[in-house]
Amino acid sequence: MKVKTILDVISQPFGTARLLSAHSTLRRAKDAGLTYEQICTVFPDAAKYSPPQLEGFILIGEDLVAGDTHFDGCLMPDAKGGC
């Protein structure tokens, strides 16, 4: 899985940048007190997602960026806990 993740990043570098940019932008909008409707007006692509979906993206993103959450990319660890 880790190799697949590395290949995803290499083959889609703009995707990684978009994830970070979207998280940062939405978090700043939330911190500024914008409502869901206001966020959707300013960022029309956000309207595809429900308020709980956007909130979940922001919350998970905050933990990932802070290093509080880590998905090691291993679906089925071996007996030693590795992939």
PDB file of N, CA and C in Angstrom:
ATOM      1  N   MET A   1       0.814  -1.193   0.000  1.00  0.00           N
ATOM      2  CA  MET A   1       0.000   0.000   0.000  1.00  0.00           C
ATOM      3  C   MET A   1       0.861   1.262   0.000  1.00  0.00           C
ATOM      4  N   LYS A   2       1.982   1.238   0.714  1.00  0.00           N
ATOM      5  CA  LYS A   2       2.824   2.429   0.775  1.00  0.00           C
ATOM      6  C   LYS A   2       3.390   2.767  -0.593  1.00  0.00           C
ATOM      7  N   VAL A   3       3.761   1.746  -1.365  1.00  0.00           N
ATOM      8  CA  VAL A   3       4.264   1.976  -2.713  1.00  0.00           C
ATOM      9  C   VAL A   3       3.166   2.602  -3.558  1.00  0.00           C
ATOM     10  N   LYS A   4       1.950   2.115  -3.435  1.00  0.00           N
ATOM     11  CA  LYS A   4       0.811   2.675  -4.175  1.00  0.00           C
ATOM     12  C   LYS A   4       0.612   4.142  -3.805  1.00  0.00           C
ATOM     13  N   THR A   5       0.722   4.464  -2.528  1.00  0.00           N
ATOM     14  CA  THR A   5       0.568   5.849  -2.081  1.00  0.00           C
ATOM     15  C   THR A   5       1.647   6.732  -2.692  1.00  0.00           C
ATOM     16  N   ILE A   6       2.876   6.259  -2.684  1.00  0.00           N
ATOM     17  CA  ILE A   6       3.977   7.022  -3.278  1.00  0.00           C
ATOM     18  C   ILE A   6       3.738   7.220  -4.767  1.00  0.00           C
ATOM     19  N   LEU A   7       3.298   6.170  -5.455  1.00  0.00           N
ATOM     20  CA  LEU A   7       3.009   6.285  -6.889  1.00  0.00           C
ATOM     21  C   LEU A   7       1.871   7.269  -7.146  1.00  0.00           C
ATOM     22  N   ASP A   8       0.855   7.279  -6.273  1.00  0.00           N
ATOM     23  CA  ASP A   8      -0.244   8.240  -6.415  1.00  0.00           C
ATOM     24  C   ASP A   8       0.271   9.672  -6.316  1.00  0.00           C
ATOM     25  N   VAL A   9       1.136   9.926  -5.349  1.00  0.00           N
ATOM     26  CA  VAL A   9       1.675  11.276  -5.160  1.00  0.00           C
ATOM     27  C   VAL A   9       2.529  11.682  -6.355  1.00  0.00           C
ATOM     28  N   ILE A  10       3.363  10.757  -6.836  1.00  0.00           N
ATOM     29  CA  ILE A  10       4.229  11.059  -7.975  1.00  0.00           C
ATOM     30  C   ILE A  10       3.413  11.283  -9.243  1.00  0.00           C
ATOM     31  N   SER A  11       2.400  10.451  -9.460  1.00  0.00           N
ATOM     32  CA  SER A  11       1.620  10.552 -10.696  1.00  0.00           C
ATOM     33  C   SER A  11       0.597  11.680 -10.664  1.00  0.00           C
ATOM     34  N   GLN A  12       0.250  12.152  -9.474  1.00  0.00           N
ATOM     35  CA  GLN A  12      -0.764  13.206  -9.358  1.00  0.00           C
ATOM     36  C   GLN A  12      -0.321  14.288  -8.368  1.00  0.00           C
ATOM     37  N   PRO A  13       0.808  14.951  -8.631  1.00  0.00           N
ATOM     38  CA  PRO A  13       1.308  15.927  -7.660  1.00  0.00           C
ATOM     39  C   PRO A  13       0.340  17.080  -7.414  1.00  0.00           C
ATOM     40  N   PHE A  14      -0.435  17.449  -8.417  1.00  0.00           N
ATOM     41  CA  PHE A  14      -1.379  18.547  -8.219  1.00  0.00           C
ATOM     42  C   PHE A  14      -2.524  18.136  -7.306  1.00  0.00           C
ATOM     43  N   GLY A  15      -2.840  16.838  -7.272  1.00  0.00           N
ATOM     44  CA  GLY A  15      -3.879  16.357  -6.361  1.00  0.00           C
ATOM     45  C   GLY A  15      -3.492  16.585  -4.914  1.00  0.00           C
ATOM     46  N   THR A  16      -2.235  16.317  -4.590  1.00  0.00           N
ATOM     47  CA  THR A  16      -1.743  16.541  -3.235  1.00  0.00           C
ATOM     48  C   THR A  16      -1.817  18.025  -2.893  1.00  0.00           C
ATOM     49  N   ALA A  17      -1.392  18.864  -3.808  1.00  0.00           N
ATOM     50  CA  ALA A  17      -1.439  20.309  -3.583  1.00  0.00           C
ATOM     51  C   ALA A  17      -2.879  20.790  -3.433  1.00  0.00           C
ATOM     52  N   ARG A  18      -3.791  20.241  -4.217  1.00  0.00           N
ATOM     53  CA  ARG A  18      -5.198  20.643  -4.122  1.00  0.00           C
ATOM     54  C   ARG A  18      -5.803  20.243  -2.786  1.00  0.00           C
ATOM     55  N   LEU A  19      -5.434  19.063  -2.291  1.00  0.00           N
ATOM     56  CA  LEU A  19      -5.931  18.633  -0.977  1.00  0.00           C
ATOM     57  C   LEU A  19      -5.515  19.617   0.107  1.00  0.00           C
ATOM     58  N   LEU A  20      -4.244  19.958   0.128  1.00  0.00           N
ATOM     59  CA  LEU A  20      -3.751  20.892   1.139  1.00  0.00           C
ATOM     60  C   LEU A  20      -4.366  22.273   0.974  1.00  0.00           C
ATOM     61  N   SER A  21      -4.474  22.722  -0.259  1.00  0.00           N
ATOM     62  CA  SER A  21      -5.051  24.034  -0.523  1.00  0.00           C
ATOM     63  C   SER A  21      -6.516  24.088  -0.112  1.00  0.00           C
ATOM     64  N   ALA A  22      -7.274  23.057  -0.471  1.00  0.00           N
ATOM     65  CA  ALA A  22      -8.702  23.022  -0.123  1.00  0.00           C
ATOM     66  C   ALA A  22      -8.890  22.988   1.379  1.00  0.00           C
ATOM     67  N   HIS A  23      -8.114  22.160   2.051  1.00  0.00           N
ATOM     68  CA  HIS A  23      -8.243  22.088   3.510  1.00  0.00           C
ATOM     69  C   HIS A  23      -7.931  23.437   4.145  1.00  0.00           C
ATOM     70  N   SER A  24      -6.834  24.042   3.745  1.00  0.00           N
ATOM     71  CA  SER A  24      -6.429  25.324   4.314  1.00  0.00           C
ATOM     72  C   SER A  24      -7.473  26.405   4.050  1.00  0.00           C
ATOM     73  N   THR A  25      -7.984  26.448   2.832  1.00  0.00           N
ATOM     74  CA  THR A  25      -8.978  27.453   2.458  1.00  0.00           C
ATOM     75  C   THR A  25     -10.277  27.268   3.229  1.00  0.00           C
ATOM     76  N   LEU A  26     -10.769  26.031   3.291  1.00  0.00           N
ATOM     77  CA  LEU A  26     -12.027  25.777   4.002  1.00  0.00           C
ATOM     78  C   LEU A  26     -11.882  26.009   5.503  1.00  0.00           C
ATOM     79  N   ARG A  27     -10.734  25.660   6.059  1.00  0.00           N
ATOM     80  CA  ARG A  27     -10.519  25.891   7.487  1.00  0.00           C
ATOM     81  C   ARG A  27     -10.505  27.386   7.795  1.00  0.00           C
ATOM     82  N   ARG A  28      -9.848  28.163   6.939  1.00  0.00           N
ATOM     83  CA  ARG A  28      -9.832  29.618   7.146  1.00  0.00           C
ATOM     84  C   ARG A  28     -11.234  30.205   7.013  1.00  0.00           C
ATOM     85  N   ALA A  29     -12.008  29.702   6.060  1.00  0.00           N
ATOM     86  CA  ALA A  29     -13.388  30.179   5.896  1.00  0.00           C
ATOM     87  C   ALA A  29     -14.209  29.861   7.139  1.00  0.00           C
ATOM     88  N   LYS A  30     -14.051  28.657   7.655  1.00  0.00           N
ATOM     89  CA  LYS A  30     -14.766  28.263   8.874  1.00  0.00           C
ATOM     90  C   LYS A  30     -14.322  29.121  10.054  1.00  0.00           C
ATOM     91  N   ASP A  31     -13.006  29.311  10.196  1.00  0.00           N
ATOM     92  CA  ASP A  31     -12.471  30.128  11.292  1.00  0.00           C
ATOM     93  C   ASP A  31     -12.946  31.575  11.208  1.00  0.00           C
ATOM     94  N   ALA A  32     -13.209  32.048   9.985  1.00  0.00           N
ATOM     95  CA  ALA A  32     -13.698  33.416   9.789  1.00  0.00           C
ATOM     96  C   ALA A  32     -15.192  33.532  10.068  1.00  0.00           C
ATOM     97  N   GLY A  33     -15.840  32.394  10.334  1.00  0.00           N
ATOM     98  CA  GLY A  33     -17.255  32.415  10.682  1.00  0.00           C
ATOM     99  C   GLY A  33     -18.212  32.306   9.511  1.00  0.00           C
ATOM    100  N   LEU A  34     -17.706  31.935   8.327  1.00  0.00           N
ATOM    101  CA  LEU A  34     -18.604  31.780   7.186  1.00  0.00           C
ATOM    102  C   LEU A  34     -19.541  30.597   7.412  1.00  0.00           C
ATOM    103  N   THR A  35     -20.780  30.760   7.001  1.00  0.00           N
ATOM    104  CA  THR A  35     -21.750  29.669   7.076  1.00  0.00           C
ATOM    105  C   THR A  35     -21.544  28.741   5.879  1.00  0.00           C
ATOM    106  N   TYR A  36     -22.204  27.587   5.933  1.00  0.00           N
ATOM    107  CA  TYR A  36     -22.136  26.646   4.820  1.00  0.00           C
ATOM    108  C   TYR A  36     -22.596  27.325   3.528  1.00  0.00           C
ATOM    109  N   GLU A  37     -23.688  28.066   3.593  1.00  0.00           N
ATOM    110  CA  GLU A  37     -24.224  28.742   2.406  1.00  0.00           C
ATOM    111  C   GLU A  37     -23.231  29.764   1.861  1.00  0.00           C
ATOM    112  N   GLN A  38     -22.574  30.492   2.751  1.00  0.00           N
ATOM    113  CA  GLN A  38     -21.586  31.477   2.308  1.00  0.00           C
ATOM    114  C   GLN A  38     -20.379  30.791   1.669  1.00  0.00           C
ATOM    115  N   ILE A  39     -19.941  29.698   2.269  1.00  0.00           N
ATOM    116  CA  ILE A  39     -18.817  28.950   1.698  1.00  0.00           C
ATOM    117  C   ILE A  39     -19.181  28.469   0.295  1.00  0.00           C
ATOM    118  N   CYS A  40     -20.400  27.978   0.115  1.00  0.00           N
ATOM    119  CA  CYS A  40     -20.841  27.489  -1.201  1.00  0.00           C
ATOM    120  C   CYS A  40     -20.963  28.618  -2.217  1.00  0.00           C
ATOM    121  N   THR A  41     -21.281  29.816  -1.754  1.00  0.00           N
ATOM    122  CA  THR A  41     -21.353  30.969  -2.650  1.00  0.00           C
ATOM    123  C   THR A  41     -19.956  31.367  -3.113  1.00  0.00           C
ATOM    124  N   VAL A  42     -19.022  31.401  -2.176  1.00  0.00           N
ATOM    125  CA  VAL A  42     -17.651  31.792  -2.496  1.00  0.00           C
ATOM    126  C   VAL A  42     -16.926  30.691  -3.272  1.00  0.00           C
ATOM    127  N   PHE A  43     -17.174  29.448  -2.896  1.00  0.00           N
ATOM    128  CA  PHE A  43     -16.521  28.291  -3.521  1.00  0.00           C
ATOM    129  C   PHE A  43     -17.601  27.342  -4.044  1.00  0.00           C
ATOM    130  N   PRO A  44     -18.113  27.564  -5.269  1.00  0.00           N
ATOM    131  CA  PRO A  44     -19.238  26.784  -5.795  1.00  0.00           C
ATOM    132  C   PRO A  44     -19.036  25.266  -5.767  1.00  0.00           C
ATOM    133  N   ASP A  45     -17.811  24.792  -5.909  1.00  0.00           N
ATOM    134  CA  ASP A  45     -17.579  23.341  -5.865  1.00  0.00           C
ATOM    135  C   ASP A  45     -17.958  22.745  -4.514  1.00  0.00           C
ATOM    136  N   ALA A  46     -17.963  23.544  -3.469  1.00  0.00           N
ATOM    137  CA  ALA A  46     -18.317  23.046  -2.131  1.00  0.00           C
ATOM    138  C   ALA A  46     -19.782  22.630  -2.058  1.00  0.00           C
ATOM    139  N   ALA A  47     -20.619  23.159  -2.946  1.00  0.00           N
ATOM    140  CA  ALA A  47     -22.052  22.856  -2.913  1.00  0.00           C
ATOM    141  C   ALA A  47     -22.344  21.383  -3.222  1.00  0.00           C
ATOM    142  N   LYS A  48     -21.366  20.666  -3.783  1.00  0.00           N
ATOM    143  CA  LYS A  48     -21.546  19.231  -4.052  1.00  0.00           C
ATOM    144  C   LYS A  48     -21.605  18.421  -2.765  1.00  0.00           C
ATOM    145  N   TYR A  49     -21.151  19.015  -1.684  1.00  0.00           N
ATOM    146  CA  TYR A  49     -21.014  18.290  -0.420  1.00  0.00           C
ATOM    147  C   TYR A  49     -21.945  18.864   0.634  1.00  0.00           C
ATOM    148  N   SER A  50     -22.416  17.998   1.496  1.00  0.00           N
ATOM    149  CA  SER A  50     -23.297  18.433   2.583  1.00  0.00           C
ATOM    150  C   SER A  50     -22.463  19.109   3.673  1.00  0.00           C
ATOM    151  N   PRO A  51     -23.123  19.881   4.550  1.00  0.00           N
ATOM    152  CA  PRO A  51     -22.376  20.490   5.660  1.00  0.00           C
ATOM    153  C   PRO A  51     -21.590  19.463   6.489  1.00  0.00           C
ATOM    154  N   PRO A  52     -22.181  18.289   6.830  1.00  0.00           N
ATOM    155  CA  PRO A  52     -21.381  17.320   7.599  1.00  0.00           C
ATOM    156  C   PRO A  52     -20.164  16.793   6.825  1.00  0.00           C
ATOM    157  N   GLN A  53     -20.295  16.661   5.505  1.00  0.00           N
ATOM    158  CA  GLN A  53     -19.156  16.196   4.712  1.00  0.00           C
ATOM    159  C   GLN A  53     -18.022  17.220   4.730  1.00  0.00           C
ATOM    160  N   LEU A  54     -18.361  18.495   4.557  1.00  0.00           N
ATOM    161  CA  LEU A  54     -17.330  19.535   4.601  1.00  0.00           C
ATOM    162  C   LEU A  54     -16.698  19.611   5.981  1.00  0.00           C
ATOM    163  N   GLU A  55     -17.528  19.543   7.011  1.00  0.00           N
ATOM    164  CA  GLU A  55     -17.019  19.586   8.382  1.00  0.00           C
ATOM    165  C   GLU A  55     -16.080  18.405   8.639  1.00  0.00           C
ATOM    166  N   GLY A  56     -16.450  17.227   8.167  1.00  0.00           N
ATOM    167  CA  GLY A  56     -15.603  16.049   8.331  1.00  0.00           C
ATOM    168  C   GLY A  56     -14.262  16.205   7.630  1.00  0.00           C
ATOM    169  N   PHE A  57     -14.294  16.747   6.422  1.00  0.00           N
ATOM    170  CA  PHE A  57     -13.056  16.983   5.680  1.00  0.00           C
ATOM    171  C   PHE A  57     -12.152  17.942   6.443  1.00  0.00           C
ATOM    172  N   ILE A  58     -12.744  19.001   6.979  1.00  0.00           N
ATOM    173  CA  ILE A  58     -11.963  19.984   7.730  1.00  0.00           C
ATOM    174  C   ILE A  58     -11.386  19.353   8.996  1.00  0.00           C
ATOM    175  N   LEU A  59     -12.203  18.606   9.731  1.00  0.00           N
ATOM    176  CA  LEU A  59     -11.742  17.996  10.983  1.00  0.00           C
ATOM    177  C   LEU A  59     -10.645  16.957  10.752  1.00  0.00           C
ATOM    178  N   ILE A  60     -10.851  16.075   9.785  1.00  0.00           N
ATOM    179  CA  ILE A  60      -9.830  15.065   9.495  1.00  0.00           C
ATOM    180  C   ILE A  60      -8.559  15.746   8.994  1.00  0.00           C
ATOM    181  N   GLY A  61      -8.726  16.735   8.125  1.00  0.00           N
ATOM    182  CA  GLY A  61      -7.568  17.473   7.615  1.00  0.00           C
ATOM    183  C   GLY A  61      -6.779  18.149   8.713  1.00  0.00           C
ATOM    184  N   GLU A  62      -7.470  18.746   9.686  1.00  0.00           N
ATOM    185  CA  GLU A  62      -6.780  19.397  10.805  1.00  0.00           C
ATOM    186  C   GLU A  62      -5.908  18.397  11.554  1.00  0.00           C
ATOM    187  N   ASP A  63      -6.459  17.221  11.834  1.00  0.00           N
ATOM    188  CA  ASP A  63      -5.694  16.199  12.553  1.00  0.00           C
ATOM    189  C   ASP A  63      -4.525  15.671  11.722  1.00  0.00           C
ATOM    190  N   LEU A  64      -4.738  15.480  10.426  1.00  0.00           N
ATOM    191  CA  LEU A  64      -3.656  14.996   9.571  1.00  0.00           C
ATOM    192  C   LEU A  64      -2.525  16.017   9.492  1.00  0.00           C
ATOM    193  N   VAL A  65      -2.881  17.277   9.276  1.00  0.00           N
ATOM    194  CA  VAL A  65      -1.875  18.331   9.171  1.00  0.00           C
ATOM    195  C   VAL A  65      -1.112  18.485  10.484  1.00  0.00           C
ATOM    196  N   ALA A  66      -1.820  18.375  11.605  1.00  0.00           N
ATOM    197  CA  ALA A  66      -1.183  18.510  12.921  1.00  0.00           C
ATOM    198  C   ALA A  66      -0.385  17.269  13.312  1.00  0.00           C
ATOM    199  N   GLY A  67      -0.569  16.182  12.582  1.00  0.00           N
ATOM    200  CA  GLY A  67       0.126  14.945  12.913  1.00  0.00           C
ATOM    201  C   GLY A  67      -0.553  14.135  14.004  1.00  0.00           C
ATOM    202  N   ASP A  68      -1.802  14.501  14.339  1.00  0.00           N
ATOM    203  CA  ASP A  68      -2.542  13.794  15.381  1.00  0.00           C
ATOM    204  C   ASP A  68      -3.217  12.526  14.873  1.00  0.00           C
ATOM    205  N   THR A  69      -3.333  12.397  13.557  1.00  0.00           N
ATOM    206  CA  THR A  69      -3.943  11.223  12.943  1.00  0.00           C
ATOM    207  C   THR A  69      -3.003  10.722  11.860  1.00  0.00           C
ATOM    208  N   HIS A  70      -2.885   9.401  11.773  1.00  0.00           N
ATOM    209  CA  HIS A  70      -1.998   8.812  10.768  1.00  0.00           C
ATOM    210  C   HIS A  70      -2.637   7.529  10.236  1.00  0.00           C
ATOM    211  N   PHE A  71      -2.792   7.467   8.934  1.00  0.00           N
ATOM    212  CA  PHE A  71      -3.252   6.248   8.280  1.00  0.00           C
ATOM    213  C   PHE A  71      -2.019   5.663   7.600  1.00  0.00           C
ATOM    214  N   ASP A  72      -1.506   4.565   8.126  1.00  0.00           N
ATOM    215  CA  ASP A  72      -0.217   4.067   7.655  1.00  0.00           C
ATOM    216  C   ASP A  72      -0.264   3.405   6.285  1.00  0.00           C
ATOM    217  N   GLY A  73      -1.418   3.304   5.685  1.00  0.00           N
ATOM    218  CA  GLY A  73      -1.521   2.741   4.347  1.00  0.00           C
ATOM    219  C   GLY A  73      -1.453   1.230   4.308  1.00  0.00           C
ATOM    220  N   CYS A  74      -1.605   0.605   5.448  1.00  0.00           N
ATOM    221  CA  CYS A  74      -1.519  -0.849   5.526  1.00  0.00           C
ATOM    222  C   CYS A  74      -2.886  -1.409   5.888  1.00  0.00           C
ATOM    223  N   LEU A  75      -3.492  -2.100   4.953  1.00  0.00           N
ATOM    224  CA  LEU A  75      -4.817  -2.651   5.181  1.00  0.00           C
ATOM    225  C   LEU A  75      -4.774  -3.886   6.073  1.00  0.00           C
ATOM    226  N   MET A  76      -3.756  -4.718   5.871  1.00  0.00           N
ATOM    227  CA  MET A  76      -3.643  -5.958   6.644  1.00  0.00           C
ATOM    228  C   MET A  76      -2.217  -6.101   7.162  1.00  0.00           C
ATOM    229  N   PRO A  77      -1.938  -5.600   8.368  1.00  0.00           N
ATOM    230  CA  PRO A  77      -0.585  -5.702   8.916  1.00  0.00           C
ATOM    231  C   PRO A  77      -0.168  -7.159   9.118  1.00  0.00           C
ATOM    232  N   ASP A  78       1.124  -7.401   8.999  1.00  0.00           N
ATOM    233  CA  ASP A  78       1.624  -8.750   9.248  1.00  0.00           C
ATOM    234  C   ASP A  78       1.753  -8.984  10.757  1.00  0.00           C
ATOM    235  N   ALA A  79       2.243 -10.141  11.148  1.00  0.00           N
ATOM    236  CA  ALA A  79       2.330 -10.513  12.564  1.00  0.00           C
ATOM    237  C   ALA A  79       3.214  -9.561  13.367  1.00  0.00           C
ATOM    238  N   LYS A  80       4.163  -8.908  12.709  1.00  0.00           N
ATOM    239  CA  LYS A  80       5.066  -7.981  13.393  1.00  0.00           C
ATOM    240  C   LYS A  80       4.503  -6.561  13.440  1.00  0.00           C
ATOM    241  N   GLY A  81       3.328  -6.358  12.871  1.00  0.00           N
ATOM    242  CA  GLY A  81       2.721  -5.032  12.847  1.00  0.00           C
ATOM    243  C   GLY A  81       3.118  -4.196  11.646  1.00  0.00           C
ATOM    244  N   GLY A  82       3.903  -4.759  10.750  1.00  0.00           N
ATOM    245  CA  GLY A  82       4.306  -4.044   9.543  1.00  0.00           C
ATOM    246  C   GLY A  82       3.411  -4.395   8.370  1.00  0.00           C
ATOM    247  N   CYS A  83       3.728  -3.839   7.208  1.00  0.00           N
ATOM    248  CA  CYS A  83       2.942  -4.112   6.004  1.00  0.00           C
ATOM    249  C   CYS A  83       3.589  -5.175   5.164  1.00  0.00           C
TER     250      CYS A  83
END
